[in-house]
N, C-alpha and C. Protein backbone atom coordinates (compact mmCIF):
# COMPACT_ATOMS: atom_id res chain seq x y z
N MET A 1 85.45 83.49 -47.23
CA MET A 1 85.33 84.86 -46.76
C MET A 1 84.85 85.78 -47.89
N MET A 2 85.49 85.67 -49.06
CA MET A 2 85.12 86.49 -50.21
C MET A 2 83.68 86.22 -50.62
N ARG A 3 83.27 84.93 -50.58
CA ARG A 3 81.91 84.59 -50.95
C ARG A 3 80.91 85.23 -49.99
N ALA A 4 81.26 85.27 -48.73
CA ALA A 4 80.38 85.87 -47.72
C ALA A 4 80.24 87.37 -47.96
N ILE A 5 81.35 88.02 -48.31
CA ILE A 5 81.33 89.46 -48.58
C ILE A 5 80.44 89.74 -49.79
N CYS A 6 80.59 88.95 -50.85
CA CYS A 6 79.78 89.12 -52.06
C CYS A 6 78.29 88.92 -51.75
N SER A 7 78.00 87.93 -50.91
CA SER A 7 76.61 87.66 -50.56
C SER A 7 76.01 88.83 -49.79
N LEU A 8 76.80 89.39 -48.87
CA LEU A 8 76.34 90.55 -48.11
C LEU A 8 76.10 91.74 -49.02
N ALA A 9 76.99 91.94 -50.00
CA ALA A 9 76.85 93.06 -50.93
C ALA A 9 75.58 92.91 -51.75
N LEU A 10 75.32 91.71 -52.26
CA LEU A 10 74.12 91.47 -53.05
C LEU A 10 72.86 91.64 -52.21
N PHE A 11 72.94 91.21 -50.95
CA PHE A 11 71.80 91.38 -50.05
C PHE A 11 71.50 92.85 -49.82
N ALA A 12 72.58 93.64 -49.67
CA ALA A 12 72.42 95.08 -49.46
C ALA A 12 71.77 95.74 -50.67
N VAL A 13 72.20 95.32 -51.87
CA VAL A 13 71.61 95.87 -53.10
C VAL A 13 70.13 95.54 -53.18
N ALA A 14 69.78 94.29 -52.91
CA ALA A 14 68.38 93.88 -52.98
C ALA A 14 67.54 94.62 -51.95
N ALA A 15 68.09 94.79 -50.75
CA ALA A 15 67.36 95.49 -49.70
C ALA A 15 67.15 96.95 -50.07
N ALA A 16 68.19 97.57 -50.64
CA ALA A 16 68.08 98.98 -51.03
C ALA A 16 67.03 99.16 -52.12
N ALA A 17 67.03 98.27 -53.10
CA ALA A 17 66.06 98.36 -54.18
C ALA A 17 64.64 98.15 -53.67
N GLN A 18 64.50 97.25 -52.68
CA GLN A 18 63.18 96.95 -52.15
C GLN A 18 62.59 98.14 -51.41
N HIS A 19 63.44 98.90 -50.71
CA HIS A 19 62.95 100.01 -49.90
C HIS A 19 62.99 101.35 -50.63
N ALA A 20 63.53 101.39 -51.85
CA ALA A 20 63.57 102.64 -52.61
C ALA A 20 62.16 102.99 -53.08
N PRO A 21 61.86 104.28 -53.22
CA PRO A 21 60.57 104.68 -53.79
C PRO A 21 60.39 104.07 -55.18
N ALA A 22 59.14 103.87 -55.56
CA ALA A 22 58.86 103.19 -56.83
C ALA A 22 59.46 103.93 -58.02
N GLY A 23 59.36 105.24 -58.05
CA GLY A 23 59.92 106.02 -59.14
C GLY A 23 59.14 105.89 -60.43
N VAL A 24 59.47 106.76 -61.38
CA VAL A 24 58.85 106.74 -62.71
C VAL A 24 59.51 105.66 -63.55
N ALA A 25 58.74 104.87 -64.27
CA ALA A 25 59.30 103.84 -65.14
C ALA A 25 60.30 104.47 -66.10
N PRO A 26 61.45 103.82 -66.33
CA PRO A 26 62.50 104.45 -67.13
C PRO A 26 62.07 104.84 -68.54
N GLU A 27 61.21 104.03 -69.16
CA GLU A 27 60.75 104.37 -70.51
C GLU A 27 59.91 105.64 -70.50
N LYS A 28 59.06 105.79 -69.48
CA LYS A 28 58.25 107.01 -69.37
C LYS A 28 59.12 108.22 -69.06
N ALA A 29 60.12 108.01 -68.21
CA ALA A 29 61.03 109.10 -67.87
C ALA A 29 61.80 109.57 -69.11
N LEU A 30 62.25 108.62 -69.92
CA LEU A 30 62.98 108.97 -71.13
C LEU A 30 62.09 109.71 -72.12
N ALA A 31 60.85 109.24 -72.26
CA ALA A 31 59.91 109.92 -73.15
C ALA A 31 59.66 111.36 -72.68
N ARG A 32 59.59 111.55 -71.39
CA ARG A 32 59.37 112.89 -70.83
C ARG A 32 60.55 113.80 -71.13
N LEU A 33 61.75 113.28 -71.00
CA LEU A 33 62.94 114.08 -71.34
C LEU A 33 62.94 114.47 -72.81
N MET A 34 62.67 113.51 -73.68
CA MET A 34 62.75 113.78 -75.11
C MET A 34 61.64 114.72 -75.58
N GLU A 35 60.48 114.64 -74.94
CA GLU A 35 59.40 115.57 -75.27
C GLU A 35 59.80 116.99 -74.85
N GLY A 36 60.43 117.11 -73.70
CA GLY A 36 60.92 118.42 -73.27
C GLY A 36 61.97 118.97 -74.20
N ASN A 37 62.82 118.09 -74.72
CA ASN A 37 63.84 118.54 -75.66
C ASN A 37 63.22 118.99 -76.98
N ARG A 38 62.14 118.33 -77.41
CA ARG A 38 61.44 118.78 -78.62
C ARG A 38 60.92 120.20 -78.44
N ARG A 39 60.39 120.48 -77.27
CA ARG A 39 59.90 121.84 -77.02
C ARG A 39 61.06 122.83 -77.06
N HIS A 40 62.20 122.43 -76.53
CA HIS A 40 63.39 123.29 -76.54
C HIS A 40 63.83 123.58 -77.97
N VAL A 41 63.87 122.56 -78.80
CA VAL A 41 64.30 122.72 -80.19
C VAL A 41 63.34 123.63 -80.94
N GLN A 42 62.06 123.50 -80.68
CA GLN A 42 61.03 124.26 -81.39
C GLN A 42 60.74 125.63 -80.75
N HIS A 43 61.48 125.96 -79.70
CA HIS A 43 61.27 127.23 -78.97
C HIS A 43 59.84 127.33 -78.44
N ARG A 44 59.34 126.21 -77.93
CA ARG A 44 58.01 126.17 -77.33
C ARG A 44 58.09 125.73 -75.87
N GLU A 45 59.09 126.21 -75.18
CA GLU A 45 59.31 125.81 -73.80
C GLU A 45 58.14 126.19 -72.90
N ARG A 46 57.86 125.34 -71.94
CA ARG A 46 56.80 125.60 -70.96
C ARG A 46 57.38 126.09 -69.63
N HIS A 47 58.67 125.84 -69.40
CA HIS A 47 59.34 126.19 -68.14
C HIS A 47 58.50 125.71 -66.95
N PRO A 48 58.26 124.40 -66.88
CA PRO A 48 57.39 123.87 -65.82
C PRO A 48 58.07 123.88 -64.45
N ASP A 49 57.26 123.77 -63.41
CA ASP A 49 57.75 123.59 -62.04
C ASP A 49 58.73 124.67 -61.60
N MET A 50 58.42 125.91 -61.92
CA MET A 50 59.30 127.02 -61.56
C MET A 50 58.63 128.01 -60.60
N GLU A 51 57.36 127.78 -60.27
CA GLU A 51 56.63 128.75 -59.48
C GLU A 51 56.97 128.63 -57.99
N VAL A 52 56.57 129.62 -57.21
CA VAL A 52 56.85 129.64 -55.77
C VAL A 52 56.20 128.44 -55.07
N LYS A 53 54.99 128.08 -55.51
CA LYS A 53 54.30 126.94 -54.92
C LYS A 53 55.15 125.68 -55.04
N ARG A 54 55.78 125.48 -56.19
CA ARG A 54 56.62 124.31 -56.40
C ARG A 54 57.83 124.33 -55.47
N ARG A 55 58.43 125.49 -55.29
CA ARG A 55 59.58 125.62 -54.41
C ARG A 55 59.23 125.27 -52.97
N HIS A 56 58.07 125.74 -52.52
CA HIS A 56 57.63 125.44 -51.16
C HIS A 56 57.28 123.96 -51.01
N GLU A 57 56.70 123.40 -52.05
CA GLU A 57 56.34 121.98 -52.03
C GLU A 57 57.58 121.11 -51.87
N LEU A 58 58.63 121.44 -52.60
CA LEU A 58 59.87 120.67 -52.52
C LEU A 58 60.54 120.82 -51.16
N ALA A 59 60.47 122.01 -50.61
CA ALA A 59 61.07 122.25 -49.30
C ALA A 59 60.33 121.49 -48.20
N THR A 60 59.04 121.31 -48.38
CA THR A 60 58.22 120.65 -47.36
C THR A 60 58.21 119.13 -47.52
N SER A 61 58.02 118.68 -48.74
CA SER A 61 57.79 117.25 -48.98
C SER A 61 59.02 116.50 -49.47
N GLY A 62 60.10 117.21 -49.81
CA GLY A 62 61.29 116.55 -50.32
C GLY A 62 61.26 116.41 -51.84
N GLN A 63 62.33 115.88 -52.38
CA GLN A 63 62.47 115.79 -53.83
C GLN A 63 62.15 114.39 -54.35
N HIS A 64 61.59 114.36 -55.55
CA HIS A 64 61.28 113.09 -56.22
C HIS A 64 61.59 113.23 -57.71
N PRO A 65 62.86 113.41 -58.07
CA PRO A 65 63.21 113.57 -59.48
C PRO A 65 62.91 112.31 -60.28
N PHE A 66 62.63 112.48 -61.57
CA PHE A 66 62.29 111.32 -62.40
C PHE A 66 63.45 110.84 -63.25
N ALA A 67 64.55 111.60 -63.30
CA ALA A 67 65.70 111.20 -64.12
C ALA A 67 67.00 111.73 -63.51
N ILE A 68 68.08 111.00 -63.77
CA ILE A 68 69.43 111.43 -63.40
C ILE A 68 70.13 111.83 -64.69
N ILE A 69 70.73 113.02 -64.70
CA ILE A 69 71.50 113.48 -65.86
C ILE A 69 72.95 113.62 -65.45
N ILE A 70 73.84 112.90 -66.15
CA ILE A 70 75.27 113.07 -65.98
C ILE A 70 75.73 113.92 -67.15
N GLY A 71 75.96 115.20 -66.91
CA GLY A 71 76.27 116.11 -68.01
C GLY A 71 77.59 116.81 -67.85
N CYS A 72 78.01 117.46 -68.92
CA CYS A 72 79.24 118.25 -68.90
C CYS A 72 78.98 119.57 -68.19
N ALA A 73 80.02 120.12 -67.56
CA ALA A 73 79.90 121.39 -66.86
C ALA A 73 79.83 122.58 -67.80
N ASP A 74 79.97 122.35 -69.09
CA ASP A 74 79.93 123.41 -70.10
C ASP A 74 78.70 124.30 -69.92
N SER A 75 78.91 125.63 -69.91
CA SER A 75 77.82 126.57 -69.64
C SER A 75 76.76 126.60 -70.73
N ARG A 76 77.05 126.00 -71.89
CA ARG A 76 76.11 126.00 -73.00
C ARG A 76 75.13 124.84 -72.96
N VAL A 77 75.27 123.97 -71.95
CA VAL A 77 74.46 122.75 -71.92
C VAL A 77 73.78 122.57 -70.55
N PRO A 78 72.92 123.50 -70.15
CA PRO A 78 72.20 123.34 -68.88
C PRO A 78 71.03 122.37 -69.04
N PRO A 79 71.05 121.22 -68.40
CA PRO A 79 70.00 120.21 -68.63
C PRO A 79 68.59 120.70 -68.40
N GLU A 80 68.37 121.57 -67.40
CA GLU A 80 67.02 122.06 -67.14
C GLU A 80 66.45 122.82 -68.33
N LEU A 81 67.31 123.50 -69.08
CA LEU A 81 66.86 124.20 -70.29
C LEU A 81 66.78 123.26 -71.48
N VAL A 82 67.78 122.40 -71.62
CA VAL A 82 67.82 121.46 -72.75
C VAL A 82 66.59 120.56 -72.77
N PHE A 83 66.11 120.16 -71.58
CA PHE A 83 64.96 119.25 -71.50
C PHE A 83 63.70 119.95 -71.01
N ASP A 84 63.74 121.28 -70.88
CA ASP A 84 62.58 122.07 -70.46
C ASP A 84 61.94 121.49 -69.21
N GLN A 85 62.73 121.36 -68.15
CA GLN A 85 62.25 120.85 -66.88
C GLN A 85 62.51 121.89 -65.79
N GLY A 86 61.97 121.66 -64.60
CA GLY A 86 62.08 122.66 -63.55
C GLY A 86 62.61 122.13 -62.24
N LEU A 87 62.28 122.82 -61.17
CA LEU A 87 62.77 122.48 -59.84
C LEU A 87 62.32 121.08 -59.43
N GLY A 88 63.26 120.28 -58.97
CA GLY A 88 62.92 118.96 -58.45
C GLY A 88 62.65 117.90 -59.49
N ASP A 89 62.77 118.23 -60.78
CA ASP A 89 62.43 117.25 -61.83
C ASP A 89 63.58 116.30 -62.15
N MET A 90 64.82 116.81 -62.10
CA MET A 90 65.97 116.00 -62.49
C MET A 90 67.06 116.09 -61.43
N PHE A 91 67.75 114.99 -61.23
CA PHE A 91 68.91 114.93 -60.34
C PHE A 91 70.13 115.10 -61.24
N VAL A 92 70.71 116.29 -61.26
CA VAL A 92 71.73 116.64 -62.24
C VAL A 92 73.13 116.62 -61.61
N ILE A 93 74.04 115.91 -62.27
CA ILE A 93 75.44 115.83 -61.85
C ILE A 93 76.29 116.27 -63.03
N ARG A 94 77.10 117.31 -62.85
CA ARG A 94 77.87 117.85 -63.97
C ARG A 94 79.35 117.97 -63.62
N ASP A 95 80.17 117.59 -64.57
CA ASP A 95 81.61 117.84 -64.47
C ASP A 95 82.17 117.92 -65.88
N ALA A 96 83.36 118.44 -66.02
CA ALA A 96 83.95 118.60 -67.35
C ALA A 96 84.09 117.25 -68.03
N GLY A 97 83.54 117.15 -69.25
CA GLY A 97 83.68 115.92 -70.02
C GLY A 97 82.72 114.82 -69.65
N ASN A 98 81.75 115.09 -68.77
CA ASN A 98 80.79 114.08 -68.31
C ASN A 98 81.44 112.71 -68.06
N VAL A 99 82.51 112.75 -67.26
CA VAL A 99 83.19 111.52 -66.87
C VAL A 99 82.75 111.13 -65.46
N VAL A 100 83.05 109.91 -65.03
CA VAL A 100 82.64 109.46 -63.71
C VAL A 100 83.84 109.10 -62.85
N ASP A 101 83.70 109.35 -61.55
CA ASP A 101 84.66 108.89 -60.56
C ASP A 101 83.86 108.31 -59.40
N GLU A 102 84.54 107.96 -58.31
CA GLU A 102 83.85 107.33 -57.19
C GLU A 102 82.77 108.23 -56.60
N GLY A 103 83.05 109.53 -56.50
CA GLY A 103 82.08 110.45 -55.94
C GLY A 103 80.82 110.55 -56.79
N ILE A 104 80.99 110.57 -58.10
CA ILE A 104 79.84 110.66 -58.99
C ILE A 104 79.04 109.36 -58.97
N LEU A 105 79.73 108.23 -58.95
CA LEU A 105 79.03 106.96 -58.85
C LEU A 105 78.23 106.89 -57.54
N GLY A 106 78.83 107.39 -56.46
CA GLY A 106 78.12 107.43 -55.19
C GLY A 106 76.88 108.32 -55.25
N SER A 107 76.99 109.43 -55.96
CA SER A 107 75.85 110.34 -56.11
C SER A 107 74.73 109.67 -56.89
N ILE A 108 75.09 108.91 -57.94
CA ILE A 108 74.09 108.18 -58.71
C ILE A 108 73.42 107.13 -57.83
N GLU A 109 74.23 106.41 -57.07
CA GLU A 109 73.68 105.39 -56.18
C GLU A 109 72.69 106.00 -55.18
N TYR A 110 73.03 107.17 -54.66
CA TYR A 110 72.12 107.84 -53.73
C TYR A 110 70.77 108.12 -54.38
N ALA A 111 70.81 108.69 -55.59
CA ALA A 111 69.56 109.03 -56.28
C ALA A 111 68.76 107.78 -56.63
N VAL A 112 69.45 106.72 -56.97
CA VAL A 112 68.77 105.47 -57.34
C VAL A 112 68.17 104.79 -56.11
N GLU A 113 68.96 104.69 -55.04
CA GLU A 113 68.53 103.93 -53.86
C GLU A 113 67.56 104.71 -52.98
N HIS A 114 67.83 105.99 -52.76
CA HIS A 114 67.06 106.76 -51.79
C HIS A 114 65.96 107.61 -52.41
N LEU A 115 66.11 107.97 -53.68
CA LEU A 115 65.09 108.79 -54.34
C LEU A 115 64.27 108.00 -55.35
N GLY A 116 64.71 106.77 -55.63
CA GLY A 116 63.94 105.90 -56.51
C GLY A 116 64.03 106.21 -57.99
N VAL A 117 65.07 106.96 -58.41
CA VAL A 117 65.20 107.31 -59.83
C VAL A 117 65.61 106.07 -60.62
N ARG A 118 64.97 105.86 -61.76
CA ARG A 118 65.21 104.63 -62.53
C ARG A 118 65.85 104.87 -63.89
N LEU A 119 65.99 106.13 -64.29
CA LEU A 119 66.62 106.45 -65.57
C LEU A 119 67.89 107.27 -65.33
N VAL A 120 68.98 106.86 -65.95
CA VAL A 120 70.24 107.61 -65.93
C VAL A 120 70.61 107.95 -67.38
N MET A 121 70.79 109.22 -67.67
CA MET A 121 71.24 109.63 -69.00
C MET A 121 72.60 110.31 -68.89
N VAL A 122 73.55 109.83 -69.71
CA VAL A 122 74.85 110.49 -69.85
C VAL A 122 74.74 111.41 -71.06
N LEU A 123 74.87 112.71 -70.83
CA LEU A 123 74.65 113.69 -71.89
C LEU A 123 75.97 114.34 -72.31
N GLY A 124 76.53 113.86 -73.43
CA GLY A 124 77.69 114.52 -74.03
C GLY A 124 77.22 115.65 -74.94
N HIS A 125 78.14 116.42 -75.48
CA HIS A 125 77.73 117.51 -76.37
C HIS A 125 78.82 117.82 -77.38
N GLU A 126 78.39 118.37 -78.51
CA GLU A 126 79.33 118.73 -79.57
C GLU A 126 80.25 119.86 -79.12
N LYS A 127 81.43 119.91 -79.73
CA LYS A 127 82.44 120.93 -79.45
C LYS A 127 82.83 120.97 -77.97
N CYS A 128 82.89 119.80 -77.36
CA CYS A 128 83.26 119.71 -75.94
C CYS A 128 84.73 120.06 -75.76
N GLY A 129 85.00 121.05 -74.91
CA GLY A 129 86.37 121.49 -74.70
C GLY A 129 87.24 120.43 -74.04
N ALA A 130 86.67 119.67 -73.12
CA ALA A 130 87.44 118.63 -72.45
C ALA A 130 87.84 117.53 -73.42
N VAL A 131 86.91 117.16 -74.31
CA VAL A 131 87.21 116.15 -75.32
C VAL A 131 88.26 116.68 -76.30
N SER A 132 88.14 117.92 -76.71
CA SER A 132 89.11 118.52 -77.63
C SER A 132 90.50 118.52 -77.01
N ALA A 133 90.59 118.81 -75.71
CA ALA A 133 91.88 118.81 -75.01
C ALA A 133 92.48 117.42 -74.97
N ALA A 134 91.64 116.42 -74.75
CA ALA A 134 92.13 115.04 -74.70
C ALA A 134 92.65 114.60 -76.06
N ILE A 135 91.97 115.01 -77.13
CA ILE A 135 92.40 114.66 -78.48
C ILE A 135 93.71 115.36 -78.84
N ALA A 136 93.82 116.62 -78.43
CA ALA A 136 95.03 117.41 -78.75
C ALA A 136 96.28 116.83 -78.11
N GLY A 137 96.11 116.17 -76.96
CA GLY A 137 97.26 115.58 -76.29
C GLY A 137 98.09 116.64 -75.58
N GLY A 138 99.33 116.32 -75.33
CA GLY A 138 100.18 117.25 -74.60
C GLY A 138 99.99 117.09 -73.11
N GLU A 139 100.68 117.92 -72.34
CA GLU A 139 100.64 117.83 -70.89
C GLU A 139 99.56 118.74 -70.32
N ALA A 140 98.58 118.15 -69.66
CA ALA A 140 97.55 118.93 -68.99
C ALA A 140 98.02 119.30 -67.60
N HIS A 141 97.75 120.52 -67.18
CA HIS A 141 98.25 121.01 -65.91
C HIS A 141 97.22 120.85 -64.80
N GLY A 142 97.70 120.73 -63.57
CA GLY A 142 96.84 120.67 -62.41
C GLY A 142 95.86 119.51 -62.46
N HIS A 143 94.68 119.75 -61.93
CA HIS A 143 93.67 118.70 -61.86
C HIS A 143 92.97 118.46 -63.20
N VAL A 144 93.23 119.32 -64.19
CA VAL A 144 92.67 119.09 -65.52
C VAL A 144 93.16 117.76 -66.07
N LYS A 145 94.35 117.35 -65.65
CA LYS A 145 94.93 116.09 -66.12
C LYS A 145 94.01 114.90 -65.77
N VAL A 146 93.35 114.97 -64.63
CA VAL A 146 92.45 113.89 -64.23
C VAL A 146 91.31 113.74 -65.24
N VAL A 147 90.78 114.88 -65.69
CA VAL A 147 89.68 114.86 -66.65
C VAL A 147 90.16 114.32 -68.00
N VAL A 148 91.29 114.85 -68.46
CA VAL A 148 91.83 114.43 -69.76
C VAL A 148 92.16 112.94 -69.75
N ASP A 149 92.75 112.47 -68.66
CA ASP A 149 93.09 111.04 -68.56
C ASP A 149 91.84 110.16 -68.60
N ALA A 150 90.75 110.65 -68.00
CA ALA A 150 89.51 109.87 -67.99
C ALA A 150 88.89 109.76 -69.38
N ILE A 151 89.14 110.77 -70.22
CA ILE A 151 88.58 110.76 -71.58
C ILE A 151 89.48 110.00 -72.55
N GLN A 152 90.73 109.81 -72.20
CA GLN A 152 91.71 109.22 -73.12
C GLN A 152 91.28 107.87 -73.69
N PRO A 153 90.68 106.96 -72.91
CA PRO A 153 90.22 105.70 -73.51
C PRO A 153 89.24 105.90 -74.67
N ALA A 154 88.38 106.93 -74.56
CA ALA A 154 87.44 107.22 -75.64
C ALA A 154 88.16 107.78 -76.86
N VAL A 155 89.24 108.52 -76.64
CA VAL A 155 90.07 109.01 -77.75
C VAL A 155 90.63 107.83 -78.53
N GLU A 156 91.13 106.85 -77.81
CA GLU A 156 91.71 105.67 -78.45
C GLU A 156 90.65 104.82 -79.14
N GLU A 157 89.48 104.69 -78.52
CA GLU A 157 88.40 103.90 -79.12
C GLU A 157 87.92 104.49 -80.45
N SER A 158 87.92 105.81 -80.54
CA SER A 158 87.34 106.47 -81.71
C SER A 158 88.39 106.94 -82.73
N ALA A 159 89.67 106.69 -82.45
CA ALA A 159 90.75 107.24 -83.27
C ALA A 159 90.68 106.84 -84.74
N LYS A 160 90.24 105.62 -85.03
CA LYS A 160 90.25 105.13 -86.41
C LYS A 160 88.93 105.35 -87.14
N GLU A 161 87.96 105.98 -86.49
CA GLU A 161 86.68 106.21 -87.14
C GLU A 161 86.78 107.38 -88.11
N PRO A 162 86.11 107.28 -89.25
CA PRO A 162 86.14 108.38 -90.22
C PRO A 162 85.30 109.56 -89.74
N GLY A 163 85.59 110.73 -90.27
CA GLY A 163 84.78 111.89 -89.93
C GLY A 163 85.42 112.77 -88.89
N ASP A 164 84.61 113.60 -88.25
CA ASP A 164 85.09 114.58 -87.28
C ASP A 164 85.57 113.89 -86.00
N LYS A 165 86.82 114.13 -85.65
CA LYS A 165 87.42 113.46 -84.50
C LYS A 165 86.76 113.84 -83.18
N VAL A 166 86.42 115.12 -83.03
CA VAL A 166 85.80 115.56 -81.78
C VAL A 166 84.42 114.94 -81.62
N HIS A 167 83.63 114.98 -82.69
CA HIS A 167 82.30 114.37 -82.63
C HIS A 167 82.40 112.88 -82.30
N ASN A 168 83.28 112.18 -82.99
CA ASN A 168 83.43 110.74 -82.76
C ASN A 168 83.82 110.45 -81.31
N CYS A 169 84.69 111.27 -80.77
CA CYS A 169 85.14 111.06 -79.39
C CYS A 169 84.05 111.45 -78.39
N VAL A 170 83.28 112.49 -78.67
CA VAL A 170 82.16 112.87 -77.80
C VAL A 170 81.19 111.70 -77.67
N VAL A 171 80.88 111.08 -78.80
CA VAL A 171 79.96 109.94 -78.80
C VAL A 171 80.57 108.76 -78.05
N ALA A 172 81.83 108.45 -78.35
CA ALA A 172 82.50 107.33 -77.69
C ALA A 172 82.61 107.56 -76.18
N ASN A 173 82.88 108.80 -75.80
CA ASN A 173 83.02 109.12 -74.37
C ASN A 173 81.69 108.99 -73.63
N ALA A 174 80.61 109.46 -74.24
CA ALA A 174 79.29 109.33 -73.61
C ALA A 174 78.91 107.86 -73.47
N ARG A 175 79.16 107.09 -74.50
CA ARG A 175 78.85 105.66 -74.45
C ARG A 175 79.70 104.95 -73.40
N ARG A 176 80.97 105.33 -73.33
CA ARG A 176 81.87 104.70 -72.36
C ARG A 176 81.44 105.01 -70.93
N THR A 177 81.07 106.27 -70.67
CA THR A 177 80.62 106.64 -69.34
C THR A 177 79.36 105.86 -68.96
N ALA A 178 78.43 105.74 -69.91
CA ALA A 178 77.21 104.97 -69.65
C ALA A 178 77.55 103.52 -69.34
N ARG A 179 78.52 102.99 -70.07
CA ARG A 179 78.92 101.59 -69.84
C ARG A 179 79.54 101.42 -68.45
N LEU A 180 80.37 102.38 -68.03
CA LEU A 180 80.98 102.31 -66.71
C LEU A 180 79.91 102.35 -65.61
N ILE A 181 78.87 103.14 -65.82
CA ILE A 181 77.79 103.21 -64.84
C ILE A 181 77.05 101.89 -64.78
N ARG A 182 76.74 101.32 -65.94
CA ARG A 182 76.03 100.03 -65.97
C ARG A 182 76.84 98.92 -65.29
N GLU A 183 78.16 99.01 -65.38
CA GLU A 183 79.01 97.95 -64.87
C GLU A 183 79.52 98.21 -63.46
N SER A 184 79.08 99.31 -62.86
CA SER A 184 79.55 99.66 -61.52
C SER A 184 78.94 98.74 -60.46
N GLU A 185 79.79 98.07 -59.71
CA GLU A 185 79.33 97.14 -58.68
C GLU A 185 79.47 97.77 -57.30
N PRO A 186 78.65 97.34 -56.32
CA PRO A 186 77.64 96.28 -56.46
C PRO A 186 76.25 96.79 -56.79
N VAL A 187 76.01 98.09 -56.69
CA VAL A 187 74.63 98.61 -56.75
C VAL A 187 74.12 98.75 -58.18
N LEU A 188 74.81 99.56 -59.00
CA LEU A 188 74.25 99.96 -60.29
C LEU A 188 74.21 98.81 -61.29
N LYS A 189 75.20 97.96 -61.28
CA LYS A 189 75.21 96.84 -62.21
C LYS A 189 74.03 95.92 -61.96
N SER A 190 73.75 95.63 -60.70
CA SER A 190 72.64 94.75 -60.37
C SER A 190 71.31 95.33 -60.83
N LEU A 191 71.09 96.62 -60.60
CA LEU A 191 69.82 97.25 -60.95
C LEU A 191 69.66 97.38 -62.47
N ALA A 192 70.77 97.65 -63.18
CA ALA A 192 70.70 97.74 -64.64
C ALA A 192 70.46 96.36 -65.25
N SER A 193 71.13 95.34 -64.71
CA SER A 193 70.99 93.98 -65.25
C SER A 193 69.58 93.44 -65.05
N SER A 194 68.95 93.83 -63.94
CA SER A 194 67.61 93.33 -63.65
C SER A 194 66.54 94.03 -64.47
N GLY A 195 66.90 95.14 -65.11
CA GLY A 195 65.93 95.89 -65.90
C GLY A 195 65.21 96.96 -65.11
N ARG A 196 65.48 97.06 -63.81
CA ARG A 196 64.82 98.09 -63.00
C ARG A 196 65.28 99.48 -63.42
N ASN A 197 66.57 99.60 -63.70
CA ASN A 197 67.13 100.89 -64.09
C ASN A 197 67.62 100.85 -65.54
N LEU A 198 67.51 101.99 -66.21
CA LEU A 198 67.96 102.12 -67.59
C LEU A 198 69.03 103.20 -67.65
N VAL A 199 70.16 102.88 -68.29
CA VAL A 199 71.25 103.84 -68.47
C VAL A 199 71.46 104.05 -69.95
N VAL A 200 71.31 105.30 -70.42
CA VAL A 200 71.46 105.60 -71.84
C VAL A 200 72.48 106.71 -72.05
N ALA A 201 73.06 106.75 -73.23
CA ALA A 201 73.98 107.81 -73.62
C ALA A 201 73.32 108.68 -74.67
N ALA A 202 73.66 109.96 -74.67
CA ALA A 202 73.06 110.90 -75.62
C ALA A 202 74.06 111.98 -75.99
N ASP A 203 73.77 112.67 -77.09
CA ASP A 203 74.65 113.72 -77.60
C ASP A 203 73.82 114.96 -77.90
N TYR A 204 74.27 116.13 -77.42
CA TYR A 204 73.55 117.38 -77.60
C TYR A 204 74.23 118.23 -78.66
N ASP A 205 73.45 118.72 -79.62
CA ASP A 205 73.97 119.59 -80.67
C ASP A 205 73.79 121.06 -80.27
N LEU A 206 74.88 121.79 -80.19
CA LEU A 206 74.83 123.18 -79.74
C LEU A 206 74.05 124.07 -80.69
N TYR A 207 74.06 123.76 -81.98
CA TYR A 207 73.39 124.60 -82.97
C TYR A 207 71.88 124.38 -82.98
N SER A 208 71.47 123.15 -83.08
CA SER A 208 70.04 122.84 -83.21
C SER A 208 69.34 122.74 -81.86
N GLY A 209 70.09 122.44 -80.80
CA GLY A 209 69.49 122.23 -79.50
C GLY A 209 68.93 120.84 -79.32
N LYS A 210 69.17 119.97 -80.31
CA LYS A 210 68.58 118.64 -80.30
C LYS A 210 69.45 117.62 -79.57
N VAL A 211 68.81 116.76 -78.81
CA VAL A 211 69.47 115.64 -78.15
C VAL A 211 69.25 114.38 -78.96
N GLU A 212 70.34 113.71 -79.30
CA GLU A 212 70.24 112.44 -80.04
C GLU A 212 70.60 111.30 -79.09
N LEU A 213 69.69 110.32 -79.00
CA LEU A 213 69.97 109.14 -78.20
C LEU A 213 70.95 108.25 -78.97
N LEU A 214 71.90 107.68 -78.26
CA LEU A 214 72.96 106.89 -78.90
C LEU A 214 72.74 105.39 -78.76
N ASP A 215 73.04 104.84 -77.61
CA ASP A 215 72.98 103.38 -77.43
C ASP A 215 71.64 102.97 -76.84
N LEU A 216 70.57 103.30 -77.52
CA LEU A 216 69.23 103.06 -76.99
C LEU A 216 68.87 101.57 -77.05
N PRO A 217 68.51 100.96 -75.91
CA PRO A 217 68.09 99.56 -75.93
C PRO A 217 66.81 99.37 -76.74
N ALA A 218 66.61 98.16 -77.20
CA ALA A 218 65.39 97.84 -77.96
C ALA A 218 64.17 97.99 -77.07
N LYS A 219 63.02 98.21 -77.71
CA LYS A 219 61.71 98.30 -77.04
C LYS A 219 61.65 99.48 -76.06
N THR A 220 62.41 100.55 -76.36
CA THR A 220 62.31 101.72 -75.52
C THR A 220 61.75 102.84 -76.37
N VAL A 221 62.30 104.03 -76.30
CA VAL A 221 61.86 105.15 -77.13
C VAL A 221 62.70 105.20 -78.38
N SER A 222 62.09 105.31 -79.53
CA SER A 222 62.83 105.30 -80.78
C SER A 222 63.72 106.52 -80.90
N ARG A 223 64.83 106.37 -81.63
CA ARG A 223 65.72 107.50 -81.88
C ARG A 223 65.03 108.52 -82.74
N ARG A 224 65.43 109.76 -82.57
CA ARG A 224 64.78 110.83 -83.33
C ARG A 224 65.70 111.27 -84.47
């Protein structure tokens, strides 16, 4: 029975991938993001895809984003500005601490299967309040506890590393979230393992505006 269920799940994944739009190759999508971030850092933003024509085009023809961004809800880290992109360019999912739950994984699966997006970036950032709260410990109230608990494994992973504790945990948390996405069954793990989809972690510096790629696979875009 279990073998039959697994076979059906794998068949569903293969069928979904076969019928998904081709999408932008993940390496090209990543290069496009990083080029946009260079413009942001240098204050040479183009603010593309913001005109009325683009808005009407999206309303008529639907959306075809080239990248998925899993980012923190922090008001200082808006992905459209960080990567100098516009309407319909990125499928953005934000929550405190850029952590994942079933709903967020489902949202990623939707963008991957139905919109054909092949690149997923987990974007952490320096001085993250959610990470700082998790490091500080103590009792978190209300639903904030869910966020803090989700970050706690990254606190433990980075506890013995030298240097700034918040920075170390921000990096560990982004990498951990990316790993959870890559290992999410049955959809995302299969697509990542086959090489169709690329999942990367990154860190945003609030002062410089620069995005640093963290766990970048070989033969992709070099770190900056």
